[in-house]
Amino acid sequence: MTDVNRDITLEIGDSEFTFRLTPAEVTKYFNATTNNNKVAPANNLLVTTVLQEQRAELKPHLANPIRVMELAGALMEEYSPDLEVIVKKSSATLTA
């Protein structure tokens, strides 16, 4: 993926919402996510990246924390580049 700034549209029920994701927004989200703090960073990502004119319509969809995590997960999955990674086994070398 050469363009890391992306507009991603999610359809929620009968409505469509467009989110403008940048590397800075995604980094902020990952840096704020901890073992004890996942929903608030996901909520912040959704609220700060949705088009401003759609923010009020989106907020009722964010009342359920599971829905918040599902929506943030869908954004991250779509934002993620298609990258094939193969982990090769290292050769074990024993030293005496």
N, C-alpha and C. Protein backbone atom coordinates (compact mmCIF):
# COMPACT_ATOMS: atom_id res chain seq x y z
N MET A 1 0.85 -1.16 0.00
CA MET A 1 0.00 0.00 0.00
C MET A 1 0.90 1.22 0.00
N THR A 2 0.73 2.07 -0.99
CA THR A 2 1.57 3.26 -1.07
C THR A 2 0.91 4.45 -0.41
N ASP A 3 -0.41 4.50 -0.40
CA ASP A 3 -1.12 5.62 0.20
C ASP A 3 -1.58 5.21 1.59
N VAL A 4 -0.95 5.75 2.63
CA VAL A 4 -1.29 5.34 3.99
C VAL A 4 -2.40 6.18 4.60
N ASN A 5 -2.80 7.28 3.93
CA ASN A 5 -3.97 8.03 4.34
C ASN A 5 -5.14 7.43 3.57
N ARG A 6 -6.14 6.93 4.30
CA ARG A 6 -7.23 6.22 3.63
C ARG A 6 -8.58 6.65 4.15
N ASP A 7 -9.52 6.77 3.25
CA ASP A 7 -10.92 6.94 3.60
C ASP A 7 -11.55 5.56 3.52
N ILE A 8 -12.16 5.13 4.60
CA ILE A 8 -12.79 3.81 4.66
C ILE A 8 -14.25 4.01 5.05
N THR A 9 -15.14 3.41 4.29
CA THR A 9 -16.57 3.53 4.56
C THR A 9 -17.08 2.22 5.13
N LEU A 10 -17.74 2.33 6.27
CA LEU A 10 -18.39 1.19 6.91
C LEU A 10 -19.89 1.38 6.82
N GLU A 11 -20.60 0.31 6.50
CA GLU A 11 -22.05 0.34 6.49
C GLU A 11 -22.52 -0.25 7.81
N ILE A 12 -23.29 0.55 8.54
CA ILE A 12 -23.83 0.11 9.83
C ILE A 12 -25.34 0.24 9.73
N GLY A 13 -26.01 -0.91 9.70
CA GLY A 13 -27.46 -0.89 9.48
C GLY A 13 -27.75 -0.31 8.11
N ASP A 14 -28.57 0.74 8.08
CA ASP A 14 -28.93 1.38 6.81
C ASP A 14 -28.07 2.61 6.52
N SER A 15 -27.09 2.88 7.35
CA SER A 15 -26.27 4.08 7.20
C SER A 15 -24.84 3.75 6.82
N GLU A 16 -24.22 4.66 6.11
CA GLU A 16 -22.80 4.54 5.78
C GLU A 16 -22.03 5.64 6.49
N PHE A 17 -20.86 5.26 7.01
CA PHE A 17 -20.00 6.20 7.71
C PHE A 17 -18.61 6.14 7.09
N THR A 18 -18.04 7.30 6.82
CA THR A 18 -16.71 7.36 6.24
C THR A 18 -15.72 7.83 7.31
N PHE A 19 -14.63 7.09 7.43
CA PHE A 19 -13.59 7.37 8.41
C PHE A 19 -12.32 7.73 7.65
N ARG A 20 -11.63 8.78 8.09
CA ARG A 20 -10.37 9.19 7.48
C ARG A 20 -9.23 8.76 8.40
N LEU A 21 -8.54 7.69 7.99
CA LEU A 21 -7.46 7.14 8.80
C LEU A 21 -6.11 7.61 8.27
N THR A 22 -5.26 7.98 9.20
CA THR A 22 -3.88 8.36 8.89
C THR A 22 -2.96 7.53 9.77
N PRO A 23 -1.69 7.44 9.41
CA PRO A 23 -0.75 6.73 10.28
C PRO A 23 -0.73 7.31 11.70
N ALA A 24 -0.86 8.61 11.83
CA ALA A 24 -0.83 9.24 13.16
C ALA A 24 -2.02 8.79 14.00
N GLU A 25 -3.21 8.73 13.40
CA GLU A 25 -4.41 8.29 14.13
C GLU A 25 -4.29 6.83 14.55
N VAL A 26 -3.80 5.99 13.65
CA VAL A 26 -3.66 4.56 13.95
C VAL A 26 -2.61 4.36 15.04
N THR A 27 -1.50 5.08 14.96
CA THR A 27 -0.46 4.98 15.98
C THR A 27 -0.98 5.43 17.34
N LYS A 28 -1.72 6.52 17.35
CA LYS A 28 -2.31 7.03 18.60
C LYS A 28 -3.23 5.97 19.22
N TYR A 29 -4.02 5.30 18.37
CA TYR A 29 -4.91 4.24 18.84
C TYR A 29 -4.13 3.09 19.45
N PHE A 30 -3.13 2.60 18.75
CA PHE A 30 -2.34 1.48 19.27
C PHE A 30 -1.59 1.86 20.55
N ASN A 31 -1.05 3.05 20.61
CA ASN A 31 -0.31 3.48 21.79
C ASN A 31 -1.20 3.64 23.02
N ALA A 32 -2.46 3.97 22.80
CA ALA A 32 -3.39 4.16 23.92
C ALA A 32 -4.00 2.84 24.41
N THR A 33 -3.93 1.81 23.59
CA THR A 33 -4.52 0.52 23.93
C THR A 33 -3.61 -0.25 24.88
N THR A 34 -4.17 -0.67 26.02
CA THR A 34 -3.44 -1.46 27.00
C THR A 34 -4.31 -2.65 27.40
N ASN A 35 -3.78 -3.52 28.23
CA ASN A 35 -4.58 -4.67 28.70
C ASN A 35 -5.85 -4.23 29.40
N ASN A 36 -5.80 -3.12 30.12
CA ASN A 36 -6.95 -2.66 30.88
C ASN A 36 -7.70 -1.52 30.21
N ASN A 37 -7.31 -1.14 29.00
CA ASN A 37 -7.92 0.02 28.35
C ASN A 37 -7.97 -0.23 26.84
N LYS A 38 -9.08 -0.79 26.39
CA LYS A 38 -9.23 -1.09 24.97
C LYS A 38 -10.41 -0.34 24.35
N VAL A 39 -11.51 -0.25 25.07
CA VAL A 39 -12.72 0.33 24.51
C VAL A 39 -12.58 1.84 24.32
N ALA A 40 -12.03 2.54 25.29
CA ALA A 40 -11.90 4.00 25.17
C ALA A 40 -11.04 4.40 23.98
N PRO A 41 -9.86 3.79 23.77
CA PRO A 41 -9.08 4.16 22.58
C PRO A 41 -9.81 3.83 21.28
N ALA A 42 -10.55 2.72 21.24
CA ALA A 42 -11.31 2.35 20.04
C ALA A 42 -12.42 3.38 19.79
N ASN A 43 -13.11 3.77 20.85
CA ASN A 43 -14.16 4.78 20.74
C ASN A 43 -13.57 6.09 20.24
N ASN A 44 -12.43 6.49 20.80
CA ASN A 44 -11.79 7.74 20.38
C ASN A 44 -11.38 7.68 18.90
N LEU A 45 -10.86 6.54 18.46
CA LEU A 45 -10.49 6.37 17.06
C LEU A 45 -11.71 6.59 16.16
N LEU A 46 -12.82 5.97 16.51
CA LEU A 46 -14.03 6.08 15.70
C LEU A 46 -14.56 7.51 15.66
N VAL A 47 -14.62 8.14 16.82
CA VAL A 47 -15.19 9.49 16.91
C VAL A 47 -14.29 10.52 16.23
N THR A 48 -12.99 10.36 16.36
CA THR A 48 -12.09 11.38 15.78
C THR A 48 -11.84 11.20 14.30
N THR A 49 -12.09 10.01 13.75
CA THR A 49 -11.80 9.80 12.34
C THR A 49 -13.03 9.80 11.44
N VAL A 50 -14.25 9.67 12.03
CA VAL A 50 -15.45 9.73 11.20
C VAL A 50 -15.61 11.16 10.69
N LEU A 51 -16.19 11.30 9.51
CA LEU A 51 -16.43 12.64 8.98
C LEU A 51 -17.26 13.43 9.98
N GLN A 52 -16.88 14.67 10.21
CA GLN A 52 -17.52 15.48 11.24
C GLN A 52 -19.04 15.54 11.10
N GLU A 53 -19.53 15.63 9.87
CA GLU A 53 -20.98 15.73 9.67
C GLU A 53 -21.71 14.42 9.98
N GLN A 54 -20.98 13.32 10.18
CA GLN A 54 -21.58 12.02 10.50
C GLN A 54 -21.42 11.66 11.98
N ARG A 55 -20.71 12.46 12.72
CA ARG A 55 -20.37 12.14 14.11
C ARG A 55 -21.62 11.94 14.98
N ALA A 56 -22.56 12.84 14.92
CA ALA A 56 -23.76 12.73 15.76
C ALA A 56 -24.56 11.47 15.45
N GLU A 57 -24.63 11.10 14.17
CA GLU A 57 -25.37 9.90 13.78
C GLU A 57 -24.63 8.63 14.22
N LEU A 58 -23.29 8.69 14.30
CA LEU A 58 -22.50 7.53 14.71
C LEU A 58 -22.61 7.25 16.20
N LYS A 59 -22.67 8.29 17.02
CA LYS A 59 -22.58 8.13 18.48
C LYS A 59 -23.55 7.11 19.08
N PRO A 60 -24.81 7.03 18.65
CA PRO A 60 -25.69 5.99 19.23
C PRO A 60 -25.18 4.57 18.98
N HIS A 61 -24.42 4.37 17.91
CA HIS A 61 -23.88 3.04 17.61
C HIS A 61 -22.71 2.68 18.54
N LEU A 62 -22.23 3.67 19.29
CA LEU A 62 -21.06 3.45 20.16
C LEU A 62 -21.44 3.22 21.61
N ALA A 63 -22.73 3.04 21.89
CA ALA A 63 -23.18 2.82 23.28
C ALA A 63 -22.78 1.44 23.79
N ASN A 64 -22.67 0.47 22.88
CA ASN A 64 -22.32 -0.89 23.26
C ASN A 64 -20.81 -1.10 23.04
N PRO A 65 -20.05 -1.45 24.09
CA PRO A 65 -18.60 -1.60 23.94
C PRO A 65 -18.20 -2.69 22.95
N ILE A 66 -19.02 -3.72 22.82
CA ILE A 66 -18.69 -4.78 21.85
C ILE A 66 -18.80 -4.24 20.43
N ARG A 67 -19.81 -3.45 20.19
CA ARG A 67 -19.96 -2.83 18.86
C ARG A 67 -18.78 -1.90 18.58
N VAL A 68 -18.34 -1.14 19.58
CA VAL A 68 -17.18 -0.26 19.42
C VAL A 68 -15.97 -1.06 18.97
N MET A 69 -15.73 -2.19 19.64
CA MET A 69 -14.56 -3.01 19.30
C MET A 69 -14.71 -3.63 17.91
N GLU A 70 -15.92 -4.04 17.55
CA GLU A 70 -16.15 -4.60 16.21
C GLU A 70 -15.89 -3.57 15.12
N LEU A 71 -16.37 -2.35 15.33
CA LEU A 71 -16.18 -1.30 14.34
C LEU A 71 -14.71 -0.91 14.21
N ALA A 72 -14.03 -0.75 15.34
CA ALA A 72 -12.60 -0.43 15.29
C ALA A 72 -11.82 -1.56 14.62
N GLY A 73 -12.19 -2.79 14.93
CA GLY A 73 -11.53 -3.94 14.31
C GLY A 73 -11.73 -3.96 12.80
N ALA A 74 -12.94 -3.64 12.35
CA ALA A 74 -13.21 -3.59 10.92
C ALA A 74 -12.38 -2.52 10.24
N LEU A 75 -12.24 -1.37 10.90
CA LEU A 75 -11.40 -0.30 10.34
C LEU A 75 -9.94 -0.73 10.24
N MET A 76 -9.43 -1.33 11.30
CA MET A 76 -8.03 -1.75 11.30
C MET A 76 -7.77 -2.83 10.25
N GLU A 77 -8.72 -3.75 10.10
CA GLU A 77 -8.56 -4.81 9.11
C GLU A 77 -8.51 -4.23 7.70
N GLU A 78 -9.36 -3.26 7.43
CA GLU A 78 -9.40 -2.66 6.10
C GLU A 78 -8.19 -1.76 5.86
N TYR A 79 -7.73 -1.09 6.90
CA TYR A 79 -6.57 -0.18 6.79
C TYR A 79 -5.27 -0.95 6.58
N SER A 80 -5.21 -2.13 7.15
CA SER A 80 -4.00 -2.93 7.11
C SER A 80 -3.62 -3.29 5.68
N PRO A 81 -2.34 -3.15 5.35
CA PRO A 81 -1.90 -3.53 4.00
C PRO A 81 -1.90 -5.05 3.84
N ASP A 82 -2.08 -5.49 2.61
CA ASP A 82 -1.95 -6.91 2.31
C ASP A 82 -0.47 -7.22 2.26
N LEU A 83 -0.01 -7.98 3.21
CA LEU A 83 1.41 -8.28 3.33
C LEU A 83 1.57 -9.74 3.68
N GLU A 84 2.31 -10.45 2.87
CA GLU A 84 2.56 -11.86 3.15
C GLU A 84 3.85 -11.97 3.96
N VAL A 85 3.73 -12.56 5.12
CA VAL A 85 4.89 -12.73 6.00
C VAL A 85 5.05 -14.22 6.26
N ILE A 86 6.27 -14.69 6.09
CA ILE A 86 6.60 -16.09 6.36
C ILE A 86 7.69 -16.10 7.42
N VAL A 87 7.43 -16.81 8.49
CA VAL A 87 8.42 -16.95 9.55
C VAL A 87 9.19 -18.24 9.29
N LYS A 88 10.47 -18.10 9.12
CA LYS A 88 11.30 -19.27 8.85
C LYS A 88 11.86 -19.79 10.17
N LYS A 89 11.94 -21.09 10.27
CA LYS A 89 12.51 -21.70 11.46
C LYS A 89 14.02 -21.44 11.48
N SER A 90 14.49 -21.02 12.62
CA SER A 90 15.93 -20.83 12.72
C SER A 90 16.60 -22.17 13.00
N SER A 91 17.81 -22.32 12.53
CA SER A 91 18.51 -23.58 12.77
C SER A 91 19.08 -23.52 14.18
N ALA A 92 18.80 -24.53 14.95
CA ALA A 92 19.29 -24.60 16.33
C ALA A 92 20.77 -25.02 16.30
N THR A 93 21.57 -24.19 16.90
CA THR A 93 22.99 -24.49 16.99
C THR A 93 23.34 -24.65 18.45
N LEU A 94 23.81 -25.84 18.79
CA LEU A 94 24.19 -26.11 20.17
C LEU A 94 25.66 -25.78 20.37
N THR A 95 25.95 -25.07 21.41
CA THR A 95 27.34 -24.77 21.75
C THR A 95 27.64 -25.39 23.10
N ALA A 96 28.84 -25.90 23.25
CA ALA A 96 29.20 -26.56 24.50
C ALA A 96 29.98 -25.65 25.39
